[in-house]
Amino acid sequence: MSHDHGHSHGGVRAGERHKGRLLVAFAIIAVFMVVEVVAAMATNSLALLSDAGHMLTDVLGMGMALAAIQLASSGTSRRNHTFGLYRLEILAALANAALLFGVAGYVLYEAINRISDPPEVKAIPLLVVAVLGLLANIVAFALLREGSKESLNMEGAYLEVLSDTVASVGVILGAIVLAITGWEWVDAVVGVAIGLWILPRAWSLGGRAVRILVQAAPPGLDLDALEADLGGVAGVVEVHDLHAWTLTSDMEVVSAHLVVTVDTDHHAVLDQARDLLRADHGIDHATLQVEPESHEGCEEVAW
């Protein structure tokens, strides 16, 4: 019996590399969230309140992202957590998606009530605060953009700031229209638009996180081709108990049993299979059990 283990810590290392930027973005958004909540109360604006609520999810999301990066890279309790704590970033991404759904739902509910009976909204203070909010979001957006390409956790925080940036633009446009026309209902309509804009992004992020948590095969990985390629390694007569899943962002894992002829060199099979997985399928972490065809009983425990 032989095993091979390789490691690729893509998403976690990305999180570690960009931790400083995430921390700065977290501080900027946290401070301005408080400003927006106070301003929303003062101006009676649902659009601004929805933007502040969305900023709250930014703050909570980035806080969870920072905690996940710290815990996943701490290396604690390795004996009890044999795969590390890498999945924490996926749980943080799922929580972000749930928060986005909650905020969008609240805004839609509140907006429907307001459209029929719109309260007076103070347009000029609303416009000033919305512009400042947009600037804060743009800075956070720039800080998180690079890391979002490498980590689902970082992408969750980035998507929240991105959607909040668009929301801020919506609030600004609504404030301008309100200032010019005096149409109070515009504020509620902008709130609805923000809520509807958030929902599909929350659904996409949540769906990808759930796929990882239920250990579905990585999207884009052709398991039939992978099994055929492993079966084509010299000396291999059968491949069974093949599993493929994603541990965390950019960390795909494969395990398989390779049945070989009795006189086959196990070391050569292991080396060829490992190189094949890395070169042809982008799999850096594999656990491969090489067993002679004379071996019995293994197939009985396959699942």
Protein backbone atom coordinates (compact mmCIF):
# COMPACT_ATOMS: atom_id res chain seq x y z
CA MET A 1 0.00 0.00 0.00
CA SER A 2 1.44 3.35 -1.01
CA HIS A 3 0.29 6.90 -0.51
CA ASP A 4 1.15 10.26 -2.00
CA HIS A 5 0.34 13.61 -0.47
CA GLY A 6 0.91 16.99 -2.03
CA HIS A 7 -0.26 20.35 -0.75
CA SER A 8 -1.73 23.43 -2.37
CA HIS A 9 -2.95 26.05 0.03
CA GLY A 10 -4.14 28.50 -2.66
CA GLY A 11 -7.14 30.11 -1.02
CA VAL A 12 -5.66 30.19 2.47
CA ARG A 13 -2.31 31.55 1.34
CA ALA A 14 -4.12 34.15 -0.72
CA GLY A 15 -6.04 35.14 2.39
CA GLU A 16 -2.82 35.43 4.38
CA ARG A 17 -1.17 37.53 1.67
CA HIS A 18 -4.05 39.96 1.50
CA LYS A 19 -4.91 40.00 5.19
CA GLY A 20 -3.53 43.53 5.68
CA ARG A 21 -5.63 44.94 2.86
CA LEU A 22 -8.69 43.16 4.18
CA LEU A 23 -8.10 44.64 7.63
CA VAL A 24 -7.85 48.21 6.23
CA ALA A 25 -11.01 47.70 4.15
CA PHE A 26 -12.77 46.34 7.25
CA ALA A 27 -11.85 49.45 9.27
CA ILE A 28 -12.97 51.87 6.53
CA ILE A 29 -16.34 50.18 6.01
CA ALA A 30 -16.96 49.75 9.77
CA VAL A 31 -16.44 53.46 10.46
CA PHE A 32 -18.58 54.57 7.55
CA MET A 33 -21.34 52.12 8.37
CA VAL A 34 -21.89 53.99 11.64
CA VAL A 35 -21.94 57.29 9.73
CA GLU A 36 -24.57 55.93 7.31
CA VAL A 37 -26.82 54.56 10.08
CA VAL A 38 -26.84 57.94 11.84
CA ALA A 39 -27.41 59.77 8.54
CA ALA A 40 -30.21 57.39 7.52
CA MET A 41 -32.04 58.14 10.76
CA ALA A 42 -31.49 61.87 10.33
CA THR A 43 -32.61 62.00 6.68
CA ASN A 44 -35.34 59.34 6.99
CA SER A 45 -33.93 57.55 3.93
CA LEU A 46 -34.67 53.86 3.34
CA ALA A 47 -32.16 53.77 0.48
CA LEU A 48 -29.41 54.99 2.78
CA LEU A 49 -30.55 52.64 5.54
CA SER A 50 -30.41 49.72 3.10
CA ASP A 51 -26.91 50.78 2.09
CA ALA A 52 -25.95 50.96 5.76
CA GLY A 53 -27.48 47.52 6.33
CA HIS A 54 -25.49 46.22 3.43
CA MET A 55 -22.38 47.80 4.92
CA LEU A 56 -23.17 45.91 8.12
CA THR A 57 -23.00 42.66 6.17
CA ASP A 58 -19.70 43.92 4.73
CA VAL A 59 -18.36 44.48 8.23
CA LEU A 60 -19.60 41.12 9.56
CA GLY A 61 -18.48 39.34 6.41
CA MET A 62 -14.99 40.82 6.45
CA GLY A 63 -14.75 40.19 10.19
CA MET A 64 -15.56 36.51 9.62
CA ALA A 65 -13.16 36.42 6.70
CA LEU A 66 -10.36 37.79 8.89
CA ALA A 67 -11.18 35.31 11.64
CA ALA A 68 -11.24 32.44 9.14
CA ILE A 69 -7.85 33.43 7.71
CA GLN A 70 -6.36 33.68 11.20
CA LEU A 71 -7.75 30.34 12.39
CA ALA A 72 -7.02 28.48 9.16
CA SER A 73 -3.40 29.60 9.16
CA SER A 74 -2.81 29.11 12.89
CA GLY A 75 -2.10 25.39 12.58
CA THR A 76 -3.74 24.67 15.94
CA SER A 77 -5.31 21.34 16.89
CA ARG A 78 -3.75 19.58 13.94
CA ARG A 79 -4.42 16.18 15.48
CA ASN A 80 -8.13 16.88 15.87
CA HIS A 81 -8.45 18.75 12.55
CA THR A 82 -6.44 16.62 10.17
CA PHE A 83 -7.39 18.78 7.17
CA GLY A 84 -6.66 21.96 9.11
CA LEU A 85 -9.31 24.64 9.46
CA TYR A 86 -9.41 25.61 5.81
CA ARG A 87 -13.16 25.06 5.54
CA LEU A 88 -13.73 28.03 7.86
CA GLU A 89 -13.32 30.37 4.91
CA ILE A 90 -16.10 28.51 3.08
CA LEU A 91 -18.37 28.76 6.14
CA ALA A 92 -17.61 32.49 6.24
CA ALA A 93 -18.53 32.82 2.56
CA LEU A 94 -21.82 30.96 3.19
CA ALA A 95 -22.59 33.20 6.16
CA ASN A 96 -21.92 36.25 3.96
CA ALA A 97 -24.44 34.96 1.43
CA ALA A 98 -27.04 34.39 4.16
CA LEU A 99 -26.50 37.94 5.47
CA LEU A 100 -26.93 39.35 1.97
CA PHE A 101 -30.23 37.47 1.62
CA GLY A 102 -31.40 38.83 4.96
CA VAL A 103 -30.60 42.45 4.13
CA ALA A 104 -32.16 42.21 0.67
CA GLY A 105 -35.31 40.68 2.13
CA TYR A 106 -35.66 43.36 4.79
CA VAL A 107 -35.15 46.19 2.30
CA LEU A 108 -37.72 44.75 -0.12
CA TYR A 109 -40.27 44.33 2.68
CA GLU A 110 -39.74 47.84 4.04
CA ALA A 111 -39.73 49.42 0.58
CA ILE A 112 -43.08 47.88 -0.38
CA ASN A 113 -44.63 49.46 2.69
CA ARG A 114 -43.04 52.83 1.94
CA ILE A 115 -43.89 53.10 -1.76
CA SER A 116 -47.61 53.53 -1.03
CA ASP A 117 -46.99 56.06 1.76
CA PRO A 118 -43.53 57.61 1.29
CA PRO A 119 -42.18 59.64 4.22
CA GLU A 120 -40.35 62.94 3.75
CA VAL A 121 -36.69 62.40 2.90
CA LYS A 122 -33.97 65.07 3.22
CA ALA A 123 -32.31 64.95 -0.18
CA ILE A 124 -29.19 67.12 0.20
CA PRO A 125 -27.76 65.52 3.39
CA LEU A 126 -28.62 62.14 1.84
CA LEU A 127 -26.64 63.02 -1.30
CA VAL A 128 -23.59 64.17 0.65
CA VAL A 129 -23.44 61.03 2.78
CA ALA A 130 -24.06 58.77 -0.23
CA VAL A 131 -21.15 60.33 -2.12
CA LEU A 132 -18.85 59.83 0.87
CA GLY A 133 -20.10 56.25 1.14
CA LEU A 134 -19.26 55.65 -2.50
CA LEU A 135 -15.71 56.89 -1.95
CA ALA A 136 -15.29 54.58 1.06
CA ASN A 137 -16.55 51.63 -0.99
CA ILE A 138 -14.25 52.41 -3.91
CA VAL A 139 -11.22 52.36 -1.60
CA ALA A 140 -12.31 49.03 -0.06
CA PHE A 141 -13.11 47.66 -3.53
CA ALA A 142 -9.59 48.46 -4.75
CA LEU A 143 -8.03 46.87 -1.67
CA LEU A 144 -9.90 43.57 -2.06
CA ARG A 145 -9.91 43.15 -5.83
CA GLU A 146 -6.66 41.20 -6.23
CA GLY A 147 -7.32 38.77 -3.40
CA SER A 148 -10.83 38.01 -4.67
CA LYS A 149 -9.36 36.13 -7.64
CA GLU A 150 -7.61 33.62 -5.39
CA SER A 151 -9.91 32.92 -2.45
CA LEU A 152 -13.67 32.28 -2.16
CA ASN A 153 -13.58 33.88 1.25
CA MET A 154 -11.91 37.02 -0.11
CA GLU A 155 -14.31 36.93 -3.06
CA GLY A 156 -17.24 36.96 -0.65
CA ALA A 157 -15.95 40.14 1.00
CA TYR A 158 -15.14 41.64 -2.42
CA LEU A 159 -18.61 40.90 -3.81
CA GLU A 160 -20.24 42.54 -0.82
CA VAL A 161 -18.19 45.70 -1.28
CA LEU A 162 -18.79 45.60 -5.05
CA SER A 163 -22.56 45.34 -4.60
CA ASP A 164 -22.42 48.03 -1.93
CA THR A 165 -20.53 50.28 -4.36
CA VAL A 166 -23.30 49.84 -6.92
CA ALA A 167 -25.85 50.43 -4.15
CA SER A 168 -24.13 53.70 -3.24
CA VAL A 169 -24.39 54.83 -6.87
CA GLY A 170 -28.10 54.01 -6.73
CA VAL A 171 -28.53 56.04 -3.56
CA ILE A 172 -26.72 59.00 -5.17
CA LEU A 173 -28.90 58.88 -8.28
CA GLY A 174 -32.02 58.59 -6.13
CA ALA A 175 -30.94 61.56 -4.02
CA ILE A 176 -30.34 63.68 -7.14
CA VAL A 177 -33.77 62.81 -8.57
CA LEU A 178 -35.38 63.48 -5.19
CA ALA A 179 -33.65 66.86 -4.89
CA ILE A 180 -34.76 67.92 -8.38
CA THR A 181 -38.31 66.54 -8.46
CA GLY A 182 -39.32 66.15 -4.81
CA TRP A 183 -40.64 62.64 -5.54
CA GLU A 184 -40.45 60.96 -2.13
CA TRP A 185 -41.20 57.49 -3.51
CA VAL A 186 -37.91 57.45 -5.45
CA ASP A 187 -36.04 56.61 -2.24
CA ALA A 188 -38.09 53.43 -1.72
CA VAL A 189 -37.72 52.41 -5.38
CA VAL A 190 -33.95 52.72 -5.10
CA GLY A 191 -34.12 50.56 -1.99
CA VAL A 192 -35.99 47.86 -3.96
CA ALA A 193 -33.50 48.07 -6.82
CA ILE A 194 -30.61 47.58 -4.39
CA GLY A 195 -32.30 44.56 -2.84
CA LEU A 196 -32.99 42.94 -6.21
CA TRP A 197 -29.42 43.60 -7.35
CA ILE A 198 -27.98 41.89 -4.28
CA LEU A 199 -30.02 38.66 -4.49
CA PRO A 200 -28.46 36.88 -7.52
CA ARG A 201 -24.95 37.58 -6.24
CA ALA A 202 -25.83 36.18 -2.84
CA TRP A 203 -27.35 33.09 -4.51
CA SER A 204 -24.21 32.47 -6.60
CA LEU A 205 -21.82 32.85 -3.67
CA GLY A 206 -23.97 30.67 -1.40
CA GLY A 207 -24.35 27.99 -4.08
CA ARG A 208 -20.61 27.66 -4.58
CA ALA A 209 -20.01 27.49 -0.84
CA VAL A 210 -22.65 24.76 -0.43
CA ARG A 211 -21.11 22.74 -3.29
CA ILE A 212 -17.83 22.69 -1.39
CA LEU A 213 -19.43 21.90 1.96
CA VAL A 214 -21.32 18.88 0.56
CA GLN A 215 -18.05 17.73 -1.05
CA ALA A 216 -19.34 17.75 -4.61
CA ALA A 217 -16.77 17.09 -7.31
CA PRO A 218 -14.99 20.30 -8.35
CA PRO A 219 -16.78 21.98 -11.28
CA GLY A 220 -14.84 21.52 -14.48
CA LEU A 221 -13.17 18.32 -13.32
CA ASP A 222 -14.05 15.44 -15.68
CA LEU A 223 -14.12 12.40 -13.39
CA ASP A 224 -14.59 9.95 -16.26
CA ALA A 225 -11.50 11.31 -18.01
CA LEU A 226 -9.57 11.33 -14.74
CA GLU A 227 -10.47 7.69 -14.06
CA ALA A 228 -9.56 6.71 -17.63
CA ASP A 229 -6.20 8.49 -17.36
CA LEU A 230 -5.35 6.76 -14.09
CA GLY A 231 -6.41 3.44 -15.63
CA GLY A 232 -4.04 4.11 -18.51
CA VAL A 233 -0.95 4.26 -16.28
CA ALA A 234 1.39 1.36 -17.11
CA GLY A 235 0.61 -1.62 -14.87
CA VAL A 236 -2.77 -0.38 -13.64
CA VAL A 237 -5.61 -2.82 -14.35
CA GLU A 238 -8.41 -1.19 -12.35
CA VAL A 239 -9.30 2.07 -10.62
CA HIS A 240 -11.91 2.12 -7.86
CA ASP A 241 -13.00 4.07 -4.78
CA LEU A 242 -12.32 7.31 -6.68
CA HIS A 243 -13.30 10.49 -4.85
CA ALA A 244 -12.72 14.15 -5.73
CA TRP A 245 -13.72 17.20 -3.72
CA THR A 246 -12.72 20.76 -2.90
CA LEU A 247 -11.26 21.44 0.53
CA THR A 248 -11.29 25.22 0.17
CA SER A 249 -10.58 27.77 -2.55
CA ASP A 250 -8.13 26.37 -5.12
CA MET A 251 -7.49 23.24 -3.05
CA GLU A 252 -8.90 20.24 -4.92
CA VAL A 253 -8.32 16.80 -3.44
CA VAL A 254 -8.47 13.33 -5.01
CA SER A 255 -8.28 9.86 -3.46
CA ALA A 256 -8.31 6.59 -5.37
CA HIS A 257 -7.30 2.93 -5.25
CA LEU A 258 -5.14 1.74 -8.15
CA VAL A 259 -5.08 -2.03 -8.70
CA VAL A 260 -1.90 -3.17 -10.46
CA THR A 261 -0.44 -6.44 -11.77
CA VAL A 262 1.57 -8.39 -9.23
CA ASP A 263 4.97 -7.64 -10.80
CA THR A 264 4.35 -3.89 -11.26
CA ASP A 265 6.66 -1.38 -9.54
CA HIS A 266 4.40 0.47 -7.10
CA HIS A 267 6.75 3.43 -6.86
CA ALA A 268 6.66 3.99 -10.63
CA VAL A 269 2.85 3.82 -10.68
CA LEU A 270 2.61 6.26 -7.82
CA ASP A 271 4.99 8.73 -9.47
CA GLN A 272 3.26 8.55 -12.85
CA ALA A 273 -0.21 8.90 -11.33
CA ARG A 274 0.86 11.87 -9.23
CA ASP A 275 2.46 13.64 -12.21
CA LEU A 276 -0.59 12.91 -14.37
CA LEU A 277 -3.00 14.36 -11.82
CA ARG A 278 -0.94 17.50 -11.43
CA ALA A 279 -0.16 18.11 -15.12
CA ASP A 280 -3.44 17.07 -16.76
CA HIS A 281 -6.04 17.80 -14.08
CA GLY A 282 -4.48 20.45 -11.83
CA ILE A 283 -4.69 18.25 -8.73
CA ASP A 284 -1.78 18.84 -6.33
CA HIS A 285 -3.13 16.90 -3.36
CA ALA A 286 -3.84 13.21 -3.91
CA THR A 287 -4.01 10.16 -1.69
CA LEU A 288 -3.42 7.10 -3.85
CA GLN A 289 -3.54 3.51 -2.62
CA VAL A 290 -1.67 1.14 -4.92
CA GLU A 291 -2.63 -2.51 -4.39
CA PRO A 292 -1.77 -5.75 -6.24
CA GLU A 293 -4.58 -7.47 -8.11
CA SER A 294 -4.05 -10.52 -5.90
CA HIS A 295 -5.30 -8.46 -2.96
CA GLU A 296 -8.87 -9.25 -1.87
CA GLY A 297 -11.54 -7.50 0.20
CA CYS A 298 -10.86 -3.88 -0.69
CA GLU A 299 -13.86 -3.49 -3.00
CA GLU A 300 -16.15 -4.55 -0.15
CA VAL A 301 -15.60 -1.25 1.66
CA ALA A 302 -15.80 1.05 -1.35
CA TRP A 303 -18.37 3.86 -1.11
